[in-house]
PDB file of N, CA and C in Angstrom:
ATOM      1  N   MET A   1       0.930  -2.777 -19.151  1.00  0.00           N
ATOM      2  CA  MET A   1       0.995  -1.453 -18.540  1.00  0.00           C
ATOM      3  C   MET A   1       0.209  -1.405 -17.231  1.00  0.00           C
ATOM      4  N   GLY A   2      -0.795  -2.269 -17.121  1.00  0.00           N
ATOM      5  CA  GLY A   2      -1.609  -2.287 -15.908  1.00  0.00           C
ATOM      6  C   GLY A   2      -0.797  -2.577 -14.659  1.00  0.00           C
ATOM      7  N   TRP A   3       0.188  -3.458 -14.798  1.00  0.00           N
ATOM      8  CA  TRP A   3       1.018  -3.798 -13.639  1.00  0.00           C
ATOM      9  C   TRP A   3       1.898  -2.626 -13.233  1.00  0.00           C
ATOM     10  N   ALA A   4       2.342  -1.845 -14.199  1.00  0.00           N
ATOM     11  CA  ALA A   4       3.140  -0.649 -13.885  1.00  0.00           C
ATOM     12  C   ALA A   4       2.274   0.374 -13.155  1.00  0.00           C
ATOM     13  N   TYR A   5       1.042   0.541 -13.618  1.00  0.00           N
ATOM     14  CA  TYR A   5       0.115   1.440 -12.923  1.00  0.00           C
ATOM     15  C   TYR A   5      -0.127   0.958 -11.492  1.00  0.00           C
ATOM     16  N   LEU A   6      -0.278  -0.350 -11.337  1.00  0.00           N
ATOM     17  CA  LEU A   6      -0.520  -0.907 -10.009  1.00  0.00           C
ATOM     18  C   LEU A   6       0.678  -0.658  -9.092  1.00  0.00           C
ATOM     19  N   ALA A   7       1.874  -0.839  -9.608  1.00  0.00           N
ATOM     20  CA  ALA A   7       3.080  -0.577  -8.807  1.00  0.00           C
ATOM     21  C   ALA A   7       3.135   0.894  -8.384  1.00  0.00           C
ATOM     22  N   GLY A   8       2.812   1.786  -9.313  1.00  0.00           N
ATOM     23  CA  GLY A   8       2.779   3.215  -8.974  1.00  0.00           C
ATOM     24  C   GLY A   8       1.720   3.520  -7.931  1.00  0.00           C
ATOM     25  N   ALA A   9       0.566   2.877  -8.055  1.00  0.00           N
ATOM     26  CA  ALA A   9      -0.515   3.081  -7.089  1.00  0.00           C
ATOM     27  C   ALA A   9      -0.092   2.642  -5.694  1.00  0.00           C
ATOM     28  N   ILE A  10       0.625   1.538  -5.618  1.00  0.00           N
ATOM     29  CA  ILE A  10       1.099   1.039  -4.322  1.00  0.00           C
ATOM     30  C   ILE A  10       2.081   2.024  -3.708  1.00  0.00           C
ATOM     31  N   LEU A  11       3.033   2.484  -4.500  1.00  0.00           N
ATOM     32  CA  LEU A  11       4.031   3.435  -3.988  1.00  0.00           C
ATOM     33  C   LEU A  11       3.383   4.734  -3.526  1.00  0.00           C
ATOM     34  N   CYS A  12       2.410   5.220  -4.289  1.00  0.00           N
ATOM     35  CA  CYS A  12       1.709   6.458  -3.893  1.00  0.00           C
ATOM     36  C   CYS A  12       0.910   6.260  -2.614  1.00  0.00           C
ATOM     37  N   GLU A  13       0.289   5.086  -2.469  1.00  0.00           N
ATOM     38  CA  GLU A  13      -0.482   4.806  -1.259  1.00  0.00           C
ATOM     39  C   GLU A  13       0.420   4.733  -0.035  1.00  0.00           C
ATOM     40  N   VAL A  14       1.569   4.107  -0.186  1.00  0.00           N
ATOM     41  CA  VAL A  14       2.520   4.006   0.923  1.00  0.00           C
ATOM     42  C   VAL A  14       3.052   5.397   1.283  1.00  0.00           C
ATOM     43  N   PHE A  15       3.361   6.186   0.278  1.00  0.00           N
ATOM     44  CA  PHE A  15       3.793   7.564   0.508  1.00  0.00           C
ATOM     45  C   PHE A  15       2.715   8.335   1.263  1.00  0.00           C
ATOM     46  N   ALA A  16       1.466   8.223   0.802  1.00  0.00           N
ATOM     47  CA  ALA A  16       0.365   8.958   1.421  1.00  0.00           C
ATOM     48  C   ALA A  16       0.156   8.537   2.876  1.00  0.00           C
ATOM     49  N   THR A  17       0.238   7.254   3.141  1.00  0.00           N
ATOM     50  CA  THR A  17       0.062   6.773   4.510  1.00  0.00           C
ATOM     51  C   THR A  17       1.198   7.256   5.407  1.00  0.00           C
ATOM     52  N   SER A  18       2.400   7.290   4.882  1.00  0.00           N
ATOM     53  CA  SER A  18       3.531   7.830   5.642  1.00  0.00           C
ATOM     54  C   SER A  18       3.321   9.311   5.941  1.00  0.00           C
ATOM     55  N   MET A  19       2.795  10.040   4.974  1.00  0.00           N
ATOM     56  CA  MET A  19       2.519  11.464   5.180  1.00  0.00           C
ATOM     57  C   MET A  19       1.409  11.657   6.209  1.00  0.00           C
ATOM     58  N   MET A  20       0.456  10.723   6.237  1.00  0.00           N
ATOM     59  CA  MET A  20      -0.603  10.814   7.238  1.00  0.00           C
ATOM     60  C   MET A  20      -0.008  10.748   8.639  1.00  0.00           C
ATOM     61  N   LYS A  21       0.938   9.837   8.823  1.00  0.00           N
ATOM     62  CA  LYS A  21       1.614   9.718  10.121  1.00  0.00           C
ATOM     63  C   LYS A  21       2.358  11.016  10.438  1.00  0.00           C
ATOM     64  N   LEU A  22       3.074  11.556   9.446  1.00  0.00           N
ATOM     65  CA  LEU A  22       3.847  12.776   9.658  1.00  0.00           C
ATOM     66  C   LEU A  22       2.981  14.018   9.842  1.00  0.00           C
ATOM     67  N   SER A  23       1.727  13.947   9.379  1.00  0.00           N
ATOM     68  CA  SER A  23       0.844  15.113   9.521  1.00  0.00           C
ATOM     69  C   SER A  23       0.424  15.334  10.967  1.00  0.00           C
ATOM     70  N   ASN A  24       0.652  14.317  11.816  1.00  0.00           N
ATOM     71  CA  ASN A  24       0.351  14.438  13.241  1.00  0.00           C
ATOM     72  C   ASN A  24      -1.100  14.878  13.470  1.00  0.00           C
ATOM     73  N   GLY A  25      -2.007  14.107  12.903  1.00  0.00           N
ATOM     74  CA  GLY A  25      -3.432  14.426  13.077  1.00  0.00           C
ATOM     75  C   GLY A  25      -3.836  15.701  12.357  1.00  0.00           C
ATOM     76  N   PHE A  26      -3.252  15.941  11.199  1.00  0.00           N
ATOM     77  CA  PHE A  26      -3.510  17.121  10.358  1.00  0.00           C
ATOM     78  C   PHE A  26      -3.045  18.428  10.994  1.00  0.00           C
ATOM     79  N   THR A  27      -2.125  18.345  11.939  1.00  0.00           N
ATOM     80  CA  THR A  27      -1.597  19.575  12.531  1.00  0.00           C
ATOM     81  C   THR A  27      -0.398  20.117  11.761  1.00  0.00           C
ATOM     82  N   GLN A  28       0.183  19.282  10.897  1.00  0.00           N
ATOM     83  CA  GLN A  28       1.294  19.702  10.046  1.00  0.00           C
ATOM     84  C   GLN A  28       0.760  19.794   8.616  1.00  0.00           C
ATOM     85  N   ILE A  29       0.680  21.001   8.069  1.00  0.00           N
ATOM     86  CA  ILE A  29      -0.026  21.226   6.813  1.00  0.00           C
ATOM     87  C   ILE A  29       0.649  20.576   5.608  1.00  0.00           C
ATOM     88  N   ILE A  30       1.960  20.668   5.507  1.00  0.00           N
ATOM     89  CA  ILE A  30       2.625  20.128   4.314  1.00  0.00           C
ATOM     90  C   ILE A  30       2.450  18.611   4.207  1.00  0.00           C
ATOM     91  N   PRO A  31       2.722  17.852   5.260  1.00  0.00           N
ATOM     92  CA  PRO A  31       2.455  16.411   5.138  1.00  0.00           C
ATOM     93  C   PRO A  31       0.973  16.106   4.877  1.00  0.00           C
ATOM     94  N   ALA A  32       0.075  16.904   5.427  1.00  0.00           N
ATOM     95  CA  ALA A  32      -1.355  16.671   5.201  1.00  0.00           C
ATOM     96  C   ALA A  32      -1.717  16.875   3.727  1.00  0.00           C
ATOM     97  N   VAL A  33      -1.202  17.925   3.128  1.00  0.00           N
ATOM     98  CA  VAL A  33      -1.468  18.191   1.703  1.00  0.00           C
ATOM     99  C   VAL A  33      -0.844  17.086   0.853  1.00  0.00           C
ATOM    100  N   LEU A  34       0.382  16.687   1.194  1.00  0.00           N
ATOM    101  CA  LEU A  34       1.036  15.609   0.450  1.00  0.00           C
ATOM    102  C   LEU A  34       0.288  14.296   0.599  1.00  0.00           C
ATOM    103  N   MET A  35      -0.323  14.073   1.743  1.00  0.00           N
ATOM    104  CA  MET A  35      -1.120  12.876   1.956  1.00  0.00           C
ATOM    105  C   MET A  35      -2.292  12.830   0.973  1.00  0.00           C
ATOM    106  N   PHE A  36      -3.027  13.926   0.887  1.00  0.00           N
ATOM    107  CA  PHE A  36      -4.170  13.970  -0.032  1.00  0.00           C
ATOM    108  C   PHE A  36      -3.726  13.790  -1.481  1.00  0.00           C
ATOM    109  N   ALA A  37      -2.620  14.411  -1.842  1.00  0.00           N
ATOM    110  CA  ALA A  37      -2.097  14.269  -3.213  1.00  0.00           C
ATOM    111  C   ALA A  37      -1.684  12.816  -3.468  1.00  0.00           C
ATOM    112  N   GLY A  38      -1.051  12.207  -2.497  1.00  0.00           N
ATOM    113  CA  GLY A  38      -0.627  10.818  -2.651  1.00  0.00           C
ATOM    114  C   GLY A  38      -1.794   9.865  -2.822  1.00  0.00           C
ATOM    115  N   TYR A  39      -2.839  10.062  -2.020  1.00  0.00           N
ATOM    116  CA  TYR A  39      -4.016   9.200  -2.167  1.00  0.00           C
ATOM    117  C   TYR A  39      -4.730   9.440  -3.490  1.00  0.00           C
ATOM    118  N   ALA A  40      -4.815  10.686  -3.922  1.00  0.00           N
ATOM    119  CA  ALA A  40      -5.434  10.984  -5.220  1.00  0.00           C
ATOM    120  C   ALA A  40      -4.660  10.298  -6.349  1.00  0.00           C
ATOM    121  N   ALA A  41      -3.341  10.387  -6.297  1.00  0.00           N
ATOM    122  CA  ALA A  41      -2.518   9.732  -7.311  1.00  0.00           C
ATOM    123  C   ALA A  41      -2.676   8.212  -7.239  1.00  0.00           C
ATOM    124  N   SER A  42      -2.717   7.673  -6.027  1.00  0.00           N
ATOM    125  CA  SER A  42      -2.844   6.232  -5.856  1.00  0.00           C
ATOM    126  C   SER A  42      -4.145   5.709  -6.456  1.00  0.00           C
ATOM    127  N   PHE A  43      -5.257   6.357  -6.137  1.00  0.00           N
ATOM    128  CA  PHE A  43      -6.540   5.887  -6.661  1.00  0.00           C
ATOM    129  C   PHE A  43      -6.641   6.092  -8.170  1.00  0.00           C
ATOM    130  N   THR A  44      -6.039   7.150  -8.681  1.00  0.00           N
ATOM    131  CA  THR A  44      -6.031   7.370 -10.130  1.00  0.00           C
ATOM    132  C   THR A  44      -5.262   6.256 -10.826  1.00  0.00           C
ATOM    133  N   LEU A  45      -4.065   5.963 -10.327  1.00  0.00           N
ATOM    134  CA  LEU A  45      -3.276   4.895 -10.928  1.00  0.00           C
ATOM    135  C   LEU A  45      -3.939   3.530 -10.767  1.00  0.00           C
ATOM    136  N   LEU A  46      -4.588   3.308  -9.626  1.00  0.00           N
ATOM    137  CA  LEU A  46      -5.307   2.053  -9.428  1.00  0.00           C
ATOM    138  C   LEU A  46      -6.441   1.925 -10.439  1.00  0.00           C
ATOM    139  N   ALA A  47      -7.132   3.004 -10.698  1.00  0.00           N
ATOM    140  CA  ALA A  47      -8.209   2.976 -11.698  1.00  0.00           C
ATOM    141  C   ALA A  47      -7.668   2.621 -13.082  1.00  0.00           C
ATOM    142  N   PHE A  48      -6.512   3.178 -13.435  1.00  0.00           N
ATOM    143  CA  PHE A  48      -5.895   2.838 -14.720  1.00  0.00           C
ATOM    144  C   PHE A  48      -5.480   1.363 -14.746  1.00  0.00           C
ATOM    145  N   ALA A  49      -4.959   0.873 -13.640  1.00  0.00           N
ATOM    146  CA  ALA A  49      -4.539  -0.527 -13.568  1.00  0.00           C
ATOM    147  C   ALA A  49      -5.719  -1.468 -13.776  1.00  0.00           C
ATOM    148  N   LEU A  50      -6.885  -1.063 -13.285  1.00  0.00           N
ATOM    149  CA  LEU A  50      -8.067  -1.933 -13.365  1.00  0.00           C
ATOM    150  C   LEU A  50      -8.590  -2.100 -14.787  1.00  0.00           C
ATOM    151  N   LYS A  51      -8.049  -1.345 -15.724  1.00  0.00           N
ATOM    152  CA  LYS A  51      -8.430  -1.550 -17.125  1.00  0.00           C
ATOM    153  C   LYS A  51      -7.961  -2.918 -17.613  1.00  0.00           C
ATOM    154  N   THR A  52      -6.824  -3.393 -17.089  1.00  0.00           N
ATOM    155  CA  THR A  52      -6.263  -4.651 -17.595  1.00  0.00           C
ATOM    156  C   THR A  52      -6.015  -5.705 -16.520  1.00  0.00           C
ATOM    157  N   VAL A  53      -6.051  -5.322 -15.260  1.00  0.00           N
ATOM    158  CA  VAL A  53      -5.813  -6.271 -14.168  1.00  0.00           C
ATOM    159  C   VAL A  53      -7.138  -6.518 -13.456  1.00  0.00           C
ATOM    160  N   GLU A  54      -7.429  -7.777 -13.165  1.00  0.00           N
ATOM    161  CA  GLU A  54      -8.688  -8.098 -12.473  1.00  0.00           C
ATOM    162  C   GLU A  54      -8.757  -7.369 -11.135  1.00  0.00           C
ATOM    163  N   VAL A  55      -9.938  -6.876 -10.801  1.00  0.00           N
ATOM    164  CA  VAL A  55     -10.104  -6.078  -9.584  1.00  0.00           C
ATOM    165  C   VAL A  55      -9.747  -6.872  -8.332  1.00  0.00           C
ATOM    166  N   SER A  56     -10.111  -8.140  -8.282  1.00  0.00           N
ATOM    167  CA  SER A  56      -9.809  -8.936  -7.085  1.00  0.00           C
ATOM    168  C   SER A  56      -8.308  -9.074  -6.879  1.00  0.00           C
ATOM    169  N   VAL A  57      -7.586  -9.278  -7.941  1.00  0.00           N
ATOM    170  CA  VAL A  57      -6.133  -9.426  -7.861  1.00  0.00           C
ATOM    171  C   VAL A  57      -5.478  -8.072  -7.586  1.00  0.00           C
ATOM    172  N   ALA A  58      -5.884  -7.057  -8.328  1.00  0.00           N
ATOM    173  CA  ALA A  58      -5.273  -5.728  -8.175  1.00  0.00           C
ATOM    174  C   ALA A  58      -5.474  -5.196  -6.762  1.00  0.00           C
ATOM    175  N   TYR A  59      -6.689  -5.292  -6.250  1.00  0.00           N
ATOM    176  CA  TYR A  59      -6.950  -4.747  -4.922  1.00  0.00           C
ATOM    177  C   TYR A  59      -6.215  -5.538  -3.846  1.00  0.00           C
ATOM    178  N   ALA A  60      -6.160  -6.855  -3.999  1.00  0.00           N
ATOM    179  CA  ALA A  60      -5.445  -7.680  -3.024  1.00  0.00           C
ATOM    180  C   ALA A  60      -3.960  -7.328  -3.007  1.00  0.00           C
ATOM    181  N   ILE A  61      -3.367  -7.192  -4.171  1.00  0.00           N
ATOM    182  CA  ILE A  61      -1.949  -6.848  -4.249  1.00  0.00           C
ATOM    183  C   ILE A  61      -1.722  -5.439  -3.728  1.00  0.00           C
ATOM    184  N   TRP A  62      -2.568  -4.499  -4.126  1.00  0.00           N
ATOM    185  CA  TRP A  62      -2.449  -3.090  -3.699  1.00  0.00           C
ATOM    186  C   TRP A  62      -2.504  -2.984  -2.176  1.00  0.00           C
ATOM    187  N   SER A  63      -3.490  -3.635  -1.585  1.00  0.00           N
ATOM    188  CA  SER A  63      -3.634  -3.520  -0.133  1.00  0.00           C
ATOM    189  C   SER A  63      -2.567  -4.326   0.608  1.00  0.00           C
ATOM    190  N   ALA A  64      -2.263  -5.524   0.138  1.00  0.00           N
ATOM    191  CA  ALA A  64      -1.282  -6.367   0.832  1.00  0.00           C
ATOM    192  C   ALA A  64       0.114  -5.758   0.795  1.00  0.00           C
ATOM    193  N   LEU A  65       0.555  -5.328  -0.373  1.00  0.00           N
ATOM    194  CA  LEU A  65       1.887  -4.734  -0.451  1.00  0.00           C
ATOM    195  C   LEU A  65       1.937  -3.408   0.294  1.00  0.00           C
ATOM    196  N   GLY A  66       0.821  -2.687   0.291  1.00  0.00           N
ATOM    197  CA  GLY A  66       0.760  -1.458   1.090  1.00  0.00           C
ATOM    198  C   GLY A  66       0.937  -1.753   2.571  1.00  0.00           C
ATOM    199  N   ILE A  67       0.256  -2.770   3.052  1.00  0.00           N
ATOM    200  CA  ILE A  67       0.371  -3.160   4.462  1.00  0.00           C
ATOM    201  C   ILE A  67       1.807  -3.576   4.789  1.00  0.00           C
ATOM    202  N   ILE A  68       2.375  -4.390   3.932  1.00  0.00           N
ATOM    203  CA  ILE A  68       3.733  -4.882   4.179  1.00  0.00           C
ATOM    204  C   ILE A  68       4.737  -3.736   4.183  1.00  0.00           C
ATOM    205  N   LEU A  69       4.675  -2.887   3.180  1.00  0.00           N
ATOM    206  CA  LEU A  69       5.622  -1.763   3.109  1.00  0.00           C
ATOM    207  C   LEU A  69       5.448  -0.786   4.262  1.00  0.00           C
ATOM    208  N   ILE A  70       4.206  -0.501   4.621  1.00  0.00           N
ATOM    209  CA  ILE A  70       3.961   0.417   5.740  1.00  0.00           C
ATOM    210  C   ILE A  70       4.434  -0.198   7.056  1.00  0.00           C
ATOM    211  N   THR A  71       4.287  -1.497   7.210  1.00  0.00           N
ATOM    212  CA  THR A  71       4.790  -2.159   8.414  1.00  0.00           C
ATOM    213  C   THR A  71       6.304  -2.002   8.506  1.00  0.00           C
ATOM    214  N   ILE A  72       6.987  -2.222   7.399  1.00  0.00           N
ATOM    215  CA  ILE A  72       8.445  -2.078   7.374  1.00  0.00           C
ATOM    216  C   ILE A  72       8.848  -0.629   7.646  1.00  0.00           C
ATOM    217  N   ILE A  73       8.184   0.315   6.996  1.00  0.00           N
ATOM    218  CA  ILE A  73       8.481   1.733   7.218  1.00  0.00           C
ATOM    219  C   ILE A  73       8.205   2.117   8.667  1.00  0.00           C
ATOM    220  N   GLY A  74       7.110   1.618   9.210  1.00  0.00           N
ATOM    221  CA  GLY A  74       6.776   1.913  10.612  1.00  0.00           C
ATOM    222  C   GLY A  74       7.854   1.438  11.568  1.00  0.00           C
ATOM    223  N   ILE A  75       8.365   0.258  11.321  1.00  0.00           N
ATOM    224  CA  ILE A  75       9.406  -0.287  12.190  1.00  0.00           C
ATOM    225  C   ILE A  75      10.716   0.485  12.026  1.00  0.00           C
ATOM    226  N   ILE A  76      11.102   0.757  10.790  1.00  0.00           N
ATOM    227  CA  ILE A  76      12.404   1.383  10.525  1.00  0.00           C
ATOM    228  C   ILE A  76      12.402   2.880  10.823  1.00  0.00           C
ATOM    229  N   TYR A  77      11.400   3.593  10.320  1.00  0.00           N
ATOM    230  CA  TYR A  77      11.430   5.059  10.398  1.00  0.00           C
ATOM    231  C   TYR A  77      10.624   5.655  11.549  1.00  0.00           C
ATOM    232  N   PHE A  78       9.582   4.955  11.987  1.00  0.00           N
ATOM    233  CA  PHE A  78       8.739   5.505  13.037  1.00  0.00           C
ATOM    234  C   PHE A  78       8.926   4.791  14.368  1.00  0.00           C
ATOM    235  N   SER A  79       9.927   3.944  14.452  1.00  0.00           N
ATOM    236  CA  SER A  79      10.283   3.223  15.677  1.00  0.00           C
ATOM    237  C   SER A  79       9.119   2.435  16.270  1.00  0.00           C
ATOM    238  N   GLU A  80       8.314   1.855  15.408  1.00  0.00           N
ATOM    239  CA  GLU A  80       7.216   1.021  15.887  1.00  0.00           C
ATOM    240  C   GLU A  80       7.764  -0.347  16.278  1.00  0.00           C
ATOM    241  N   SER A  81       6.999  -1.073  17.036  1.00  0.00           N
ATOM    242  CA  SER A  81       7.476  -2.344  17.575  1.00  0.00           C
ATOM    243  C   SER A  81       7.649  -3.401  16.483  1.00  0.00           C
ATOM    244  N   PHE A  82       8.614  -4.266  16.699  1.00  0.00           N
ATOM    245  CA  PHE A  82       8.847  -5.426  15.842  1.00  0.00           C
ATOM    246  C   PHE A  82       8.481  -6.666  16.634  1.00  0.00           C
ATOM    247  N   SER A  83       7.824  -7.603  15.974  1.00  0.00           N
ATOM    248  CA  SER A  83       7.550  -8.884  16.623  1.00  0.00           C
ATOM    249  C   SER A  83       7.487  -9.970  15.561  1.00  0.00           C
ATOM    250  N   TYR A  84       7.739 -11.182  16.004  1.00  0.00           N
ATOM    251  CA  TYR A  84       7.625 -12.298  15.082  1.00  0.00           C
ATOM    252  C   TYR A  84       6.175 -12.543  14.685  1.00  0.00           C
ATOM    253  N   ALA A  85       5.254 -12.123  15.514  1.00  0.00           N
ATOM    254  CA  ALA A  85       3.832 -12.221  15.158  1.00  0.00           C
ATOM    255  C   ALA A  85       3.531 -11.344  13.945  1.00  0.00           C
ATOM    256  N   LYS A  86       4.165 -10.155  13.883  1.00  0.00           N
ATOM    257  CA  LYS A  86       3.993  -9.289  12.706  1.00  0.00           C
ATOM    258  C   LYS A  86       4.565  -9.957  11.461  1.00  0.00           C
ATOM    259  N   VAL A  87       5.737 -10.555  11.607  1.00  0.00           N
ATOM    260  CA  VAL A  87       6.366 -11.239  10.473  1.00  0.00           C
ATOM    261  C   VAL A  87       5.483 -12.394  10.001  1.00  0.00           C
ATOM    262  N   PHE A  88       4.972 -13.171  10.925  1.00  0.00           N
ATOM    263  CA  PHE A  88       4.091 -14.283  10.569  1.00  0.00           C
ATOM    264  C   PHE A  88       2.823 -13.782   9.881  1.00  0.00           C
ATOM    265  N   SER A  89       2.271 -12.698  10.377  1.00  0.00           N
ATOM    266  CA  SER A  89       1.072 -12.126   9.768  1.00  0.00           C
ATOM    267  C   SER A  89       1.341 -11.661   8.349  1.00  0.00           C
ATOM    268  N   ILE A  90       2.498 -11.063   8.125  1.00  0.00           N
ATOM    269  CA  ILE A  90       2.866 -10.631   6.773  1.00  0.00           C
ATOM    270  C   ILE A  90       3.005 -11.840   5.853  1.00  0.00           C
ATOM    271  N   ILE A  91       3.582 -12.915   6.357  1.00  0.00           N
ATOM    272  CA  ILE A  91       3.704 -14.141   5.558  1.00  0.00           C
ATOM    273  C   ILE A  91       2.323 -14.664   5.177  1.00  0.00           C
ATOM    274  N   LEU A  92       1.375 -14.611   6.104  1.00  0.00           N
ATOM    275  CA  LEU A  92       0.014 -15.046   5.804  1.00  0.00           C
ATOM    276  C   LEU A  92      -0.639 -14.158   4.749  1.00  0.00           C
ATOM    277  N   ILE A  93      -0.404 -12.841   4.837  1.00  0.00           N
ATOM    278  CA  ILE A  93      -0.947 -11.918   3.835  1.00  0.00           C
ATOM    279  C   ILE A  93      -0.372 -12.259   2.458  1.00  0.00           C
ATOM    280  N   LEU A  94       0.940 -12.435   2.395  1.00  0.00           N
ATOM    281  CA  LEU A  94       1.578 -12.776   1.124  1.00  0.00           C
ATOM    282  C   LEU A  94       1.047 -14.098   0.572  1.00  0.00           C
ATOM    283  N   ALA A  95       0.879 -15.075   1.437  1.00  0.00           N
ATOM    284  CA  ALA A  95       0.359 -16.373   0.997  1.00  0.00           C
ATOM    285  C   ALA A  95      -1.041 -16.227   0.413  1.00  0.00           C
ATOM    286  N   GLY A  96      -1.853 -15.410   1.028  1.00  0.00           N
ATOM    287  CA  GLY A  96      -3.196 -15.181   0.521  1.00  0.00           C
ATOM    288  C   GLY A  96      -3.200 -14.506  -0.834  1.00  0.00           C
ATOM    289  N   VAL A  97      -2.348 -13.511  -1.018  1.00  0.00           N
ATOM    290  CA  VAL A  97      -2.282 -12.801  -2.301  1.00  0.00           C
ATOM    291  C   VAL A  97      -1.756 -13.720  -3.403  1.00  0.00           C
ATOM    292  N   VAL A  98      -0.704 -14.469  -3.097  1.00  0.00           N
ATOM    293  CA  VAL A  98      -0.153 -15.396  -4.089  1.00  0.00           C
ATOM    294  C   VAL A  98      -1.197 -16.448  -4.454  1.00  0.00           C
ATOM    295  N   SER A  99      -1.908 -16.962  -3.477  1.00  0.00           N
ATOM    296  CA  SER A  99      -2.950 -17.940  -3.723  1.00  0.00           C
ATOM    297  C   SER A  99      -4.052 -17.355  -4.607  1.00  0.00           C
ATOM    298  N   LEU A 100      -4.461 -16.146  -4.314  1.00  0.00           N
ATOM    299  CA  LEU A 100      -5.491 -15.503  -5.118  1.00  0.00           C
ATOM    300  C   LEU A 100      -5.033 -15.330  -6.561  1.00  0.00           C
ATOM    301  N   LYS A 101      -3.789 -14.894  -6.732  1.00  0.00           N
ATOM    302  CA  LYS A 101      -3.251 -14.706  -8.090  1.00  0.00           C
ATOM    303  C   LYS A 101      -3.182 -16.029  -8.838  1.00  0.00           C
ATOM    304  N   LEU A 102      -2.795 -17.091  -8.152  1.00  0.00           N
ATOM    305  CA  LEU A 102      -2.709 -18.408  -8.801  1.00  0.00           C
ATOM    306  C   LEU A 102      -4.073 -18.947  -9.216  1.00  0.00           C
ATOM    307  N   CYS A 103      -5.118 -18.474  -8.565  1.00  0.00           N
ATOM    308  CA  CYS A 103      -6.475 -18.932  -8.868  1.00  0.00           C
ATOM    309  C   CYS A 103      -7.110 -18.192 -10.041  1.00  0.00           C
ATOM    310  N   THR A 104      -6.437 -17.166 -10.543  1.00  0.00           N
ATOM    311  CA  THR A 104      -6.979 -16.376 -11.657  1.00  0.00           C
ATOM    312  C   THR A 104      -6.177 -16.655 -12.909  1.00  0.00           C
ATOM    313  N   ASN A 105      -6.724 -16.240 -14.021  1.00  0.00           N
ATOM    314  CA  ASN A 105      -6.041 -16.462 -15.324  1.00  0.00           C
ATOM    315  C   ASN A 105      -4.849 -15.602 -15.448  1.00  0.00           C
TER     316      ASN A 105
END
């Protein structure tokens, strides 16, 4: 069940970060409120995940997948720049997370 909580935490964090962008520096109230709710849900689910998933692995996966998903969302929905350097950096992040997971039980 810990992995399901972790997946939910990642999705909530990505949602919250997207809402932060849409809040336009907290000038748009609805996205700002949704941002806070998303982060609250994300940290709650992450706390539940940590009951059964090692903190080093859970946090690495939570942050890495959040970065990757937000990068993709930024490029697709927010018209942010695409570069092969970004793709290479994402590959390095994934390699680090996979390596960390392989080093744990």
